[in-house]
Amino acid sequence: MVKIVGFDGVEIHGAHGYLLEQFMKDKANDRTDEYGGTLENRCRFVLEIVEAVANEIGAERVGIKLSPFEKFGDCGDSNPQELGLYMVNALNKYGILYCHLVEPRMEIVDEKAECHYSLVSIRKVFNGTFMVTGGYERQDGINAIAENRADLVAYGRLFISNPDLPKRFALNAPLNKYNRETFYTSDPVIGYIDYPSLE
């Protein structure tokens, strides 16, 4: 289907407390069958999906987003570092294009928090392109790439309030402040078009 409709690929969403993450995390998964209990069992469902999608469209068109450190919707894990490392080790055998990880400092979705964890050990294990997200600003992203902590940095909230974000970053221009209350509204459509452009 991806090829038919002309998409370049698929990012499997295994983050932010959604269904796939609920399987992976021991605070949410209370199953007693082959999809619960051990770390291997809890990750089984997600890896089966990765394998199925990669077999269907090619591993070079598949990415996955993970947030092992996040606790959104009471979906936490007792050992998020171990979960992250297990997943990227397991993902390596499928040869997928990228892994997109949410920074540990974003354990609360809306704001940065002090955290002693780092994605560096996970980055060192993953064989594909490593993308990070979570509260990055311009200089943070530059530093992450320069220090080899990531191959790519994804921006969300700043992009919503600055649709011309790459241009603003290139010029080191001031950024519009985002207003979370206008995100993803549909009636009227605001949040993407109500911020001033550089022109």
N, C-alpha and C. Protein backbone atom coordinates (compact mmCIF):
# COMPACT_ATOMS: atom_id res chain seq x y z
N MET A 1 0.82 -1.19 0.00
CA MET A 1 0.00 0.00 0.00
C MET A 1 0.86 1.26 0.00
N VAL A 2 1.97 1.26 0.75
CA VAL A 2 2.84 2.42 0.82
C VAL A 2 3.33 2.79 -0.58
N LYS A 3 3.75 1.79 -1.35
CA LYS A 3 4.24 2.05 -2.70
C LYS A 3 3.13 2.52 -3.61
N ILE A 4 1.94 1.96 -3.43
CA ILE A 4 0.80 2.32 -4.29
C ILE A 4 0.44 3.79 -4.13
N VAL A 5 0.40 4.27 -2.88
CA VAL A 5 0.00 5.67 -2.66
C VAL A 5 1.17 6.64 -2.75
N GLY A 6 2.37 6.14 -2.94
CA GLY A 6 3.51 7.01 -3.20
C GLY A 6 4.25 7.50 -1.98
N PHE A 7 4.02 6.92 -0.81
CA PHE A 7 4.79 7.32 0.36
C PHE A 7 6.22 6.79 0.24
N ASP A 8 7.14 7.48 0.89
CA ASP A 8 8.53 7.03 0.89
C ASP A 8 8.76 5.90 1.89
N GLY A 9 7.94 5.84 2.93
CA GLY A 9 8.13 4.81 3.93
C GLY A 9 7.11 4.92 5.05
N VAL A 10 7.35 4.15 6.09
CA VAL A 10 6.45 4.08 7.24
C VAL A 10 7.26 4.23 8.52
N GLU A 11 6.77 5.09 9.42
CA GLU A 11 7.33 5.13 10.77
C GLU A 11 6.33 4.42 11.67
N ILE A 12 6.76 3.35 12.30
CA ILE A 12 5.93 2.61 13.24
C ILE A 12 5.97 3.37 14.57
N HIS A 13 4.80 3.69 15.09
CA HIS A 13 4.71 4.51 16.31
C HIS A 13 4.68 3.61 17.54
N GLY A 14 5.83 3.50 18.19
CA GLY A 14 5.93 2.69 19.41
C GLY A 14 6.25 3.55 20.61
N ALA A 15 5.65 4.76 20.66
CA ALA A 15 5.99 5.71 21.72
C ALA A 15 4.73 6.31 22.35
N HIS A 16 4.96 7.19 23.33
CA HIS A 16 3.94 8.06 23.92
C HIS A 16 2.72 7.35 24.51
N GLY A 17 2.89 6.14 24.99
CA GLY A 17 1.81 5.45 25.67
C GLY A 17 0.79 4.78 24.77
N TYR A 18 1.02 4.80 23.46
CA TYR A 18 0.09 4.14 22.54
C TYR A 18 0.24 2.63 22.63
N LEU A 19 -0.58 1.91 21.91
CA LEU A 19 -0.72 0.46 22.05
C LEU A 19 0.60 -0.30 22.05
N LEU A 20 1.46 -0.03 21.08
CA LEU A 20 2.71 -0.81 21.00
C LEU A 20 3.57 -0.60 22.23
N GLU A 21 3.61 0.64 22.73
CA GLU A 21 4.39 0.90 23.92
C GLU A 21 3.78 0.21 25.14
N GLN A 22 2.48 0.09 25.17
CA GLN A 22 1.81 -0.59 26.28
C GLN A 22 2.24 -2.05 26.38
N PHE A 23 2.54 -2.65 25.25
CA PHE A 23 3.05 -4.02 25.27
C PHE A 23 4.47 -4.06 25.83
N MET A 24 5.31 -3.09 25.45
CA MET A 24 6.72 -3.14 25.81
C MET A 24 7.00 -2.85 27.28
N LYS A 25 6.19 -2.04 27.90
CA LYS A 25 6.52 -1.53 29.24
C LYS A 25 5.87 -2.32 30.36
N ASP A 26 6.67 -2.67 31.36
CA ASP A 26 6.19 -3.55 32.42
C ASP A 26 5.17 -2.91 33.37
N LYS A 27 5.06 -1.60 33.37
CA LYS A 27 4.06 -0.95 34.23
C LYS A 27 2.67 -0.99 33.58
N ALA A 28 2.63 -1.26 32.28
CA ALA A 28 1.36 -1.31 31.56
C ALA A 28 0.99 -2.73 31.15
N ASN A 29 1.96 -3.55 30.86
CA ASN A 29 1.71 -4.90 30.36
C ASN A 29 1.61 -5.89 31.52
N ASP A 30 0.39 -6.38 31.76
CA ASP A 30 0.22 -7.38 32.82
C ASP A 30 -0.21 -8.73 32.25
N ARG A 31 0.12 -8.95 30.99
CA ARG A 31 -0.22 -10.22 30.34
C ARG A 31 0.58 -11.37 30.94
N THR A 32 0.04 -12.55 30.81
CA THR A 32 0.73 -13.75 31.32
C THR A 32 1.02 -14.75 30.20
N ASP A 33 0.75 -14.35 28.95
CA ASP A 33 1.01 -15.24 27.82
C ASP A 33 2.37 -14.92 27.21
N GLU A 34 2.58 -15.32 25.96
CA GLU A 34 3.89 -15.11 25.32
C GLU A 34 4.17 -13.64 24.98
N TYR A 35 3.22 -12.74 25.26
CA TYR A 35 3.41 -11.31 25.02
C TYR A 35 3.53 -10.53 26.33
N GLY A 36 3.77 -11.22 27.43
CA GLY A 36 3.89 -10.55 28.72
C GLY A 36 4.97 -11.17 29.57
N GLY A 37 5.29 -10.51 30.68
CA GLY A 37 6.28 -11.04 31.61
C GLY A 37 7.68 -10.57 31.30
N THR A 38 8.47 -11.38 30.63
CA THR A 38 9.87 -11.05 30.36
C THR A 38 9.98 -9.91 29.35
N LEU A 39 11.13 -9.27 29.34
CA LEU A 39 11.40 -8.21 28.39
C LEU A 39 11.24 -8.71 26.95
N GLU A 40 11.78 -9.89 26.69
CA GLU A 40 11.67 -10.47 25.35
C GLU A 40 10.21 -10.65 24.94
N ASN A 41 9.40 -11.17 25.86
CA ASN A 41 7.98 -11.37 25.55
C ASN A 41 7.26 -10.05 25.34
N ARG A 42 7.55 -9.06 26.16
CA ARG A 42 6.86 -7.78 26.06
C ARG A 42 7.18 -7.06 24.74
N CYS A 43 8.36 -7.28 24.22
CA CYS A 43 8.77 -6.63 22.97
C CYS A 43 8.38 -7.44 21.73
N ARG A 44 7.94 -8.66 21.93
CA ARG A 44 7.65 -9.57 20.82
C ARG A 44 6.67 -8.98 19.80
N PHE A 45 5.55 -8.42 20.28
CA PHE A 45 4.51 -7.91 19.39
C PHE A 45 5.05 -6.80 18.49
N VAL A 46 5.80 -5.87 19.08
CA VAL A 46 6.35 -4.76 18.30
C VAL A 46 7.32 -5.28 17.24
N LEU A 47 8.16 -6.21 17.61
CA LEU A 47 9.13 -6.76 16.66
C LEU A 47 8.45 -7.57 15.56
N GLU A 48 7.35 -8.23 15.89
CA GLU A 48 6.58 -8.92 14.85
C GLU A 48 6.01 -7.92 13.84
N ILE A 49 5.58 -6.77 14.32
CA ILE A 49 5.07 -5.73 13.43
C ILE A 49 6.19 -5.18 12.56
N VAL A 50 7.33 -4.91 13.16
CA VAL A 50 8.49 -4.43 12.39
C VAL A 50 8.84 -5.41 11.28
N GLU A 51 8.90 -6.68 11.62
CA GLU A 51 9.23 -7.70 10.64
C GLU A 51 8.20 -7.76 9.52
N ALA A 52 6.92 -7.71 9.88
CA ALA A 52 5.85 -7.79 8.87
C ALA A 52 5.90 -6.59 7.93
N VAL A 53 6.09 -5.40 8.48
CA VAL A 53 6.14 -4.19 7.64
C VAL A 53 7.38 -4.22 6.77
N ALA A 54 8.52 -4.59 7.33
CA ALA A 54 9.76 -4.66 6.55
C ALA A 54 9.65 -5.68 5.42
N ASN A 55 9.01 -6.81 5.69
CA ASN A 55 8.82 -7.83 4.65
C ASN A 55 7.89 -7.33 3.54
N GLU A 56 6.94 -6.49 3.91
CA GLU A 56 5.96 -5.99 2.94
C GLU A 56 6.53 -4.90 2.05
N ILE A 57 7.24 -3.93 2.63
CA ILE A 57 7.67 -2.76 1.85
C ILE A 57 9.18 -2.61 1.74
N GLY A 58 9.94 -3.44 2.45
CA GLY A 58 11.40 -3.33 2.45
C GLY A 58 11.89 -2.61 3.68
N ALA A 59 12.88 -3.16 4.34
CA ALA A 59 13.41 -2.59 5.58
C ALA A 59 13.95 -1.18 5.37
N GLU A 60 14.40 -0.89 4.14
CA GLU A 60 14.95 0.44 3.84
C GLU A 60 13.88 1.53 3.82
N ARG A 61 12.61 1.13 3.97
CA ARG A 61 11.50 2.09 4.01
C ARG A 61 10.83 2.15 5.38
N VAL A 62 11.47 1.54 6.38
CA VAL A 62 10.84 1.41 7.70
C VAL A 62 11.65 2.12 8.77
N GLY A 63 10.95 2.89 9.60
CA GLY A 63 11.52 3.49 10.80
C GLY A 63 10.60 3.19 11.97
N ILE A 64 11.08 3.44 13.17
CA ILE A 64 10.26 3.23 14.36
C ILE A 64 10.55 4.33 15.36
N LYS A 65 9.51 4.77 16.04
CA LYS A 65 9.66 5.77 17.10
C LYS A 65 9.44 5.09 18.44
N LEU A 66 10.37 5.32 19.38
CA LEU A 66 10.31 4.72 20.70
C LEU A 66 10.53 5.80 21.77
N SER A 67 9.91 5.60 22.92
CA SER A 67 10.12 6.51 24.05
C SER A 67 10.25 5.70 25.34
N PRO A 68 11.34 4.94 25.49
CA PRO A 68 11.46 4.04 26.64
C PRO A 68 11.44 4.75 27.99
N PHE A 69 11.88 6.00 28.03
CA PHE A 69 11.98 6.72 29.30
C PHE A 69 10.70 7.47 29.67
N GLU A 70 9.82 7.64 28.73
CA GLU A 70 8.61 8.43 28.96
C GLU A 70 7.61 7.64 29.79
N LYS A 71 6.81 8.37 30.57
CA LYS A 71 5.81 7.74 31.44
C LYS A 71 4.41 8.23 31.12
N PHE A 72 4.20 8.68 29.90
CA PHE A 72 2.92 9.26 29.51
C PHE A 72 1.78 8.24 29.67
N GLY A 73 0.68 8.69 30.26
CA GLY A 73 -0.48 7.82 30.45
C GLY A 73 -0.18 6.64 31.36
N ASP A 74 0.67 6.84 32.37
CA ASP A 74 1.05 5.77 33.30
C ASP A 74 1.71 4.59 32.60
N CYS A 75 2.32 4.86 31.45
CA CYS A 75 2.97 3.79 30.69
C CYS A 75 4.48 3.91 30.89
N GLY A 76 4.94 3.45 32.06
CA GLY A 76 6.36 3.51 32.38
C GLY A 76 6.98 2.13 32.41
N ASP A 77 8.28 2.11 32.59
CA ASP A 77 8.99 0.85 32.69
C ASP A 77 9.98 0.92 33.84
N SER A 78 10.17 -0.20 34.53
CA SER A 78 11.06 -0.23 35.69
C SER A 78 12.53 -0.11 35.29
N ASN A 79 12.87 -0.44 34.05
CA ASN A 79 14.25 -0.32 33.59
C ASN A 79 14.26 0.17 32.14
N PRO A 80 14.01 1.48 31.94
CA PRO A 80 13.89 2.01 30.58
C PRO A 80 15.17 1.89 29.76
N GLN A 81 16.33 1.99 30.42
CA GLN A 81 17.60 1.86 29.69
C GLN A 81 17.72 0.46 29.10
N GLU A 82 17.41 -0.54 29.90
CA GLU A 82 17.47 -1.92 29.42
C GLU A 82 16.47 -2.14 28.27
N LEU A 83 15.28 -1.56 28.39
CA LEU A 83 14.27 -1.67 27.33
C LEU A 83 14.79 -1.06 26.03
N GLY A 84 15.33 0.15 26.12
CA GLY A 84 15.86 0.81 24.92
C GLY A 84 16.96 0.01 24.26
N LEU A 85 17.90 -0.48 25.07
CA LEU A 85 19.01 -1.27 24.53
C LEU A 85 18.53 -2.58 23.92
N TYR A 86 17.59 -3.23 24.59
CA TYR A 86 17.06 -4.49 24.05
C TYR A 86 16.41 -4.24 22.69
N MET A 87 15.60 -3.19 22.61
CA MET A 87 14.89 -2.93 21.36
C MET A 87 15.83 -2.62 20.21
N VAL A 88 16.82 -1.76 20.41
CA VAL A 88 17.70 -1.44 19.27
C VAL A 88 18.55 -2.64 18.88
N ASN A 89 18.97 -3.44 19.85
CA ASN A 89 19.68 -4.67 19.50
C ASN A 89 18.81 -5.58 18.65
N ALA A 90 17.54 -5.73 19.04
CA ALA A 90 16.62 -6.58 18.29
C ALA A 90 16.30 -5.99 16.93
N LEU A 91 16.18 -4.67 16.86
CA LEU A 91 15.87 -4.01 15.58
C LEU A 91 17.00 -4.15 14.57
N ASN A 92 18.23 -4.25 15.05
CA ASN A 92 19.38 -4.36 14.15
C ASN A 92 19.24 -5.52 13.18
N LYS A 93 18.65 -6.61 13.62
CA LYS A 93 18.59 -7.79 12.74
C LYS A 93 17.63 -7.59 11.57
N TYR A 94 16.76 -6.58 11.65
CA TYR A 94 15.83 -6.32 10.55
C TYR A 94 16.39 -5.32 9.55
N GLY A 95 17.45 -4.61 9.93
CA GLY A 95 18.08 -3.66 9.01
C GLY A 95 17.19 -2.49 8.63
N ILE A 96 16.33 -2.04 9.55
CA ILE A 96 15.44 -0.93 9.22
C ILE A 96 16.24 0.37 9.05
N LEU A 97 15.62 1.33 8.38
CA LEU A 97 16.30 2.57 8.02
C LEU A 97 16.70 3.40 9.22
N TYR A 98 15.76 3.61 10.15
CA TYR A 98 16.08 4.47 11.28
C TYR A 98 15.31 4.10 12.54
N CYS A 99 15.85 4.59 13.65
CA CYS A 99 15.18 4.50 14.95
C CYS A 99 15.11 5.93 15.48
N HIS A 100 13.92 6.32 15.88
CA HIS A 100 13.60 7.69 16.31
C HIS A 100 13.29 7.61 17.81
N LEU A 101 14.18 8.14 18.64
CA LEU A 101 14.01 8.04 20.10
C LEU A 101 13.73 9.38 20.75
N VAL A 102 12.83 9.33 21.73
CA VAL A 102 12.49 10.51 22.52
C VAL A 102 13.48 10.61 23.67
N GLU A 103 14.02 11.80 23.86
CA GLU A 103 15.00 12.03 24.92
C GLU A 103 14.45 11.69 26.30
N PRO A 104 15.29 11.13 27.18
CA PRO A 104 14.86 10.82 28.55
C PRO A 104 14.35 12.04 29.30
N ARG A 105 14.85 13.23 28.96
CA ARG A 105 14.43 14.45 29.67
C ARG A 105 12.97 14.79 29.41
N MET A 106 12.34 14.09 28.45
CA MET A 106 10.94 14.35 28.12
C MET A 106 10.03 13.28 28.73
N GLU A 107 10.36 12.81 29.94
CA GLU A 107 9.54 11.78 30.56
C GLU A 107 8.13 12.30 30.82
N ILE A 108 7.97 13.62 30.94
CA ILE A 108 6.66 14.27 30.97
C ILE A 108 6.54 14.94 29.61
N VAL A 109 5.49 14.64 28.86
CA VAL A 109 5.39 15.06 27.47
C VAL A 109 5.54 16.57 27.28
N ASP A 110 5.00 17.37 28.18
CA ASP A 110 4.92 18.80 27.95
C ASP A 110 6.16 19.61 28.29
N GLU A 111 7.10 19.04 29.01
CA GLU A 111 8.23 19.86 29.44
C GLU A 111 9.48 19.02 29.68
N LYS A 112 10.63 19.70 29.63
CA LYS A 112 11.90 19.05 29.92
C LYS A 112 12.04 18.83 31.42
N ALA A 113 12.69 17.75 31.79
CA ALA A 113 12.96 17.47 33.20
C ALA A 113 14.43 17.09 33.36
N GLU A 114 14.99 17.33 34.51
CA GLU A 114 16.34 16.89 34.79
C GLU A 114 16.37 15.36 34.77
N CYS A 115 17.40 14.80 34.16
CA CYS A 115 17.45 13.35 34.01
C CYS A 115 18.90 12.89 33.95
N HIS A 116 19.19 11.79 34.61
CA HIS A 116 20.56 11.27 34.58
C HIS A 116 20.77 10.27 33.44
N TYR A 117 19.69 9.90 32.76
CA TYR A 117 19.81 8.97 31.63
C TYR A 117 20.27 9.69 30.37
N SER A 118 20.80 8.93 29.43
CA SER A 118 21.24 9.46 28.15
C SER A 118 20.91 8.44 27.06
N LEU A 119 20.75 8.92 25.84
CA LEU A 119 20.52 8.03 24.70
C LEU A 119 21.82 7.55 24.06
N VAL A 120 22.95 8.01 24.57
CA VAL A 120 24.23 7.71 23.92
C VAL A 120 24.51 6.22 23.85
N SER A 121 24.27 5.48 24.92
CA SER A 121 24.55 4.04 24.89
C SER A 121 23.64 3.33 23.90
N ILE A 122 22.42 3.80 23.77
CA ILE A 122 21.48 3.21 22.80
C ILE A 122 21.92 3.55 21.39
N ARG A 123 22.34 4.78 21.18
CA ARG A 123 22.83 5.23 19.87
C ARG A 123 24.01 4.39 19.42
N LYS A 124 24.91 4.05 20.35
CA LYS A 124 26.10 3.28 20.00
C LYS A 124 25.77 1.86 19.54
N VAL A 125 24.64 1.34 19.98
CA VAL A 125 24.25 -0.03 19.65
C VAL A 125 23.50 -0.12 18.33
N PHE A 126 22.71 0.90 18.00
CA PHE A 126 21.88 0.82 16.80
C PHE A 126 22.71 1.00 15.54
N ASN A 127 22.49 0.13 14.55
CA ASN A 127 23.28 0.15 13.32
C ASN A 127 22.78 1.09 12.24
N GLY A 128 21.54 1.52 12.33
CA GLY A 128 20.97 2.38 11.30
C GLY A 128 21.06 3.86 11.67
N THR A 129 20.30 4.67 10.98
CA THR A 129 20.24 6.10 11.25
C THR A 129 19.53 6.33 12.58
N PHE A 130 20.11 7.16 13.41
CA PHE A 130 19.60 7.41 14.76
C PHE A 130 19.07 8.83 14.84
N MET A 131 17.77 8.96 15.06
CA MET A 131 17.10 10.25 15.14
C MET A 131 16.66 10.49 16.58
N VAL A 132 16.83 11.72 17.05
CA VAL A 132 16.40 12.07 18.40
C VAL A 132 15.38 13.21 18.34
N THR A 133 14.56 13.27 19.37
CA THR A 133 13.59 14.35 19.50
C THR A 133 13.34 14.59 20.97
N GLY A 134 12.78 15.74 21.29
CA GLY A 134 12.42 16.00 22.67
C GLY A 134 13.00 17.26 23.24
N GLY A 135 12.31 18.38 23.01
CA GLY A 135 12.71 19.63 23.63
C GLY A 135 13.94 20.28 23.03
N TYR A 136 14.33 19.89 21.84
CA TYR A 136 15.50 20.48 21.21
C TYR A 136 15.22 21.89 20.73
N GLU A 137 16.23 22.75 20.90
CA GLU A 137 16.25 24.06 20.28
C GLU A 137 17.37 24.05 19.26
N ARG A 138 17.58 25.15 18.57
CA ARG A 138 18.54 25.20 17.48
C ARG A 138 19.93 24.71 17.92
N GLN A 139 20.50 25.33 18.95
CA GLN A 139 21.87 24.99 19.35
C GLN A 139 21.96 23.58 19.91
N ASP A 140 20.92 23.13 20.62
CA ASP A 140 20.90 21.74 21.12
C ASP A 140 21.05 20.76 19.97
N GLY A 141 20.31 21.02 18.89
CA GLY A 141 20.37 20.13 17.73
C GLY A 141 21.72 20.15 17.06
N ILE A 142 22.29 21.33 16.91
CA ILE A 142 23.63 21.46 16.33
C ILE A 142 24.63 20.67 17.17
N ASN A 143 24.53 20.81 18.49
CA ASN A 143 25.46 20.10 19.38
C ASN A 143 25.29 18.59 19.30
N ALA A 144 24.05 18.13 19.23
CA ALA A 144 23.79 16.69 19.17
C ALA A 144 24.45 16.06 17.94
N ILE A 145 24.36 16.76 16.81
CA ILE A 145 24.98 16.24 15.58
C ILE A 145 26.50 16.35 15.67
N ALA A 146 27.00 17.51 16.11
CA ALA A 146 28.45 17.74 16.19
C ALA A 146 29.12 16.75 17.14
N GLU A 147 28.43 16.38 18.22
CA GLU A 147 28.99 15.47 19.21
C GLU A 147 28.68 14.01 18.92
N ASN A 148 28.10 13.75 17.75
CA ASN A 148 27.79 12.39 17.30
C ASN A 148 26.82 11.66 18.24
N ARG A 149 25.92 12.42 18.86
CA ARG A 149 24.88 11.80 19.69
C ARG A 149 23.66 11.42 18.86
N ALA A 150 23.62 11.88 17.61
CA ALA A 150 22.50 11.58 16.71
C ALA A 150 22.92 11.85 15.28
N ASP A 151 22.19 11.23 14.36
CA ASP A 151 22.37 11.52 12.93
C ASP A 151 21.40 12.61 12.48
N LEU A 152 20.22 12.62 13.10
CA LEU A 152 19.16 13.57 12.77
C LEU A 152 18.49 14.05 14.05
N VAL A 153 17.95 15.27 14.01
CA VAL A 153 17.17 15.81 15.12
C VAL A 153 15.81 16.20 14.58
N ALA A 154 14.76 15.71 15.24
CA ALA A 154 13.39 16.04 14.84
C ALA A 154 12.85 17.14 15.74
N TYR A 155 12.14 18.08 15.12
CA TYR A 155 11.53 19.18 15.85
C TYR A 155 10.02 19.11 15.65
N GLY A 156 9.25 19.31 16.71
CA GLY A 156 7.80 19.25 16.62
C GLY A 156 7.16 20.59 16.92
N ARG A 157 7.11 20.95 18.20
CA ARG A 157 6.42 22.17 18.62
C ARG A 157 6.96 23.41 17.94
N LEU A 158 8.29 23.50 17.80
CA LEU A 158 8.87 24.68 17.15
C LEU A 158 8.46 24.75 15.68
N PHE A 159 8.26 23.60 15.05
CA PHE A 159 7.85 23.59 13.64
C PHE A 159 6.41 24.06 13.48
N ILE A 160 5.57 23.74 14.45
CA ILE A 160 4.17 24.15 14.35
C ILE A 160 4.06 25.67 14.37
N SER A 161 4.82 26.31 15.22
CA SER A 161 4.76 27.77 15.31
C SER A 161 5.69 28.47 14.33
N ASN A 162 6.55 27.69 13.68
CA ASN A 162 7.50 28.24 12.70
C ASN A 162 7.58 27.30 11.50
N PRO A 163 6.58 27.36 10.61
CA PRO A 163 6.60 26.46 9.45
C PRO A 163 7.85 26.65 8.58
N ASP A 164 8.51 27.79 8.73
CA ASP A 164 9.75 28.07 8.00
C ASP A 164 10.97 27.82 8.90
N LEU A 165 10.87 26.84 9.79
CA LEU A 165 11.92 26.59 10.78
C LEU A 165 13.31 26.40 10.17
N PRO A 166 13.48 25.61 9.10
CA PRO A 166 14.84 25.48 8.54
C PRO A 166 15.44 26.82 8.14
N LYS A 167 14.62 27.69 7.55
CA LYS A 167 15.12 29.01 7.15
C LYS A 167 15.50 29.83 8.38
N ARG A 168 14.65 29.80 9.41
CA ARG A 168 14.94 30.54 10.64
C ARG A 168 16.22 30.02 11.29
N PHE A 169 16.40 28.71 11.31
CA PHE A 169 17.62 28.14 11.88
C PHE A 169 18.84 28.57 11.07
N ALA A 170 18.73 28.54 9.74
CA ALA A 170 19.86 28.92 8.89
C ALA A 170 20.27 30.37 9.12
N LEU A 171 19.27 31.23 9.34
CA LEU A 171 19.54 32.65 9.57
C LEU A 171 19.76 32.98 11.04
N ASN A 172 19.57 31.98 11.90
CA ASN A 172 19.56 32.21 13.35
C ASN A 172 18.58 33.33 13.71
N ALA A 173 17.42 33.29 13.05
CA ALA A 173 16.38 34.31 13.24
C ALA A 173 15.55 33.99 14.48
N PRO A 174 14.89 35.00 15.04
CA PRO A 174 14.01 34.74 16.19
C PRO A 174 12.89 33.78 15.83
N LEU A 175 12.42 33.03 16.82
CA LEU A 175 11.34 32.06 16.61
C LEU A 175 10.04 32.57 17.21
N ASN A 176 8.92 32.22 16.56
CA ASN A 176 7.61 32.46 17.15
C ASN A 176 7.44 31.53 18.34
N LYS A 177 6.86 32.02 19.41
CA LYS A 177 6.54 31.15 20.55
C LYS A 177 5.32 30.34 20.19
N TYR A 178 5.34 29.07 20.56
CA TYR A 178 4.18 28.23 20.26
C TYR A 178 3.11 28.39 21.34
N ASN A 179 1.90 28.10 20.93
CA ASN A 179 0.75 28.14 21.83
C ASN A 179 0.09 26.78 21.75
N ARG A 180 0.31 25.95 22.77
CA ARG A 180 -0.18 24.58 22.75
C ARG A 180 -1.70 24.51 22.55
N GLU A 181 -2.42 25.52 23.00
CA GLU A 181 -3.88 25.50 22.87
C GLU A 181 -4.34 25.56 21.42
N THR A 182 -3.45 25.99 20.53
CA THR A 182 -3.84 26.05 19.12
C THR A 182 -3.36 24.84 18.31
N PHE A 183 -2.65 23.91 18.96
CA PHE A 183 -2.14 22.75 18.23
C PHE A 183 -3.28 21.86 17.77
N TYR A 184 -3.21 21.44 16.52
CA TYR A 184 -4.06 20.40 15.96
C TYR A 184 -5.56 20.70 16.04
N THR A 185 -5.91 21.95 16.09
CA THR A 185 -7.34 22.28 16.08
C THR A 185 -7.87 22.22 14.66
N SER A 186 -9.15 21.98 14.52
CA SER A 186 -9.71 21.84 13.18
C SER A 186 -10.83 22.84 12.89
N ASP A 187 -11.37 23.48 13.87
CA ASP A 187 -12.50 24.39 13.62
C ASP A 187 -12.41 25.60 14.53
N PRO A 188 -11.88 26.73 14.10
CA PRO A 188 -11.24 26.92 12.80
C PRO A 188 -9.82 26.35 12.80
N VAL A 189 -9.27 26.19 11.61
CA VAL A 189 -7.92 25.66 11.49
C VAL A 189 -6.94 26.74 11.92
N ILE A 190 -6.28 26.50 13.04
CA ILE A 190 -5.24 27.40 13.53
C ILE A 190 -4.09 26.56 14.03
N GLY A 191 -2.99 27.19 14.33
CA GLY A 191 -1.84 26.46 14.85
C GLY A 191 -0.75 26.26 13.81
N TYR A 192 -1.10 26.25 12.55
CA TYR A 192 -0.10 26.12 11.49
C TYR A 192 -0.01 27.40 10.66
N ILE A 193 -1.08 28.17 10.69
CA ILE A 193 -1.13 29.33 9.81
C ILE A 193 -1.29 30.65 10.56
N ASP A 194 -1.32 30.59 11.87
CA ASP A 194 -1.57 31.81 12.62
C ASP A 194 -0.29 32.43 13.20
N TYR A 195 0.87 31.99 12.72
CA TYR A 195 2.13 32.55 13.20
C TYR A 195 2.78 33.37 12.09
N PRO A 196 3.40 34.50 12.43
CA PRO A 196 4.00 35.35 11.39
C PRO A 196 5.21 34.71 10.74
N SER A 197 5.33 34.89 9.45
CA SER A 197 6.49 34.37 8.71
C SER A 197 7.58 35.44 8.72
N LEU A 198 8.76 35.07 8.22
CA LEU A 198 9.87 36.02 8.14
C LEU A 198 9.64 37.07 7.08
N GLU A 199 8.76 36.79 6.12
CA GLU A 199 8.57 37.72 4.99
C GLU A 199 7.56 38.79 5.32
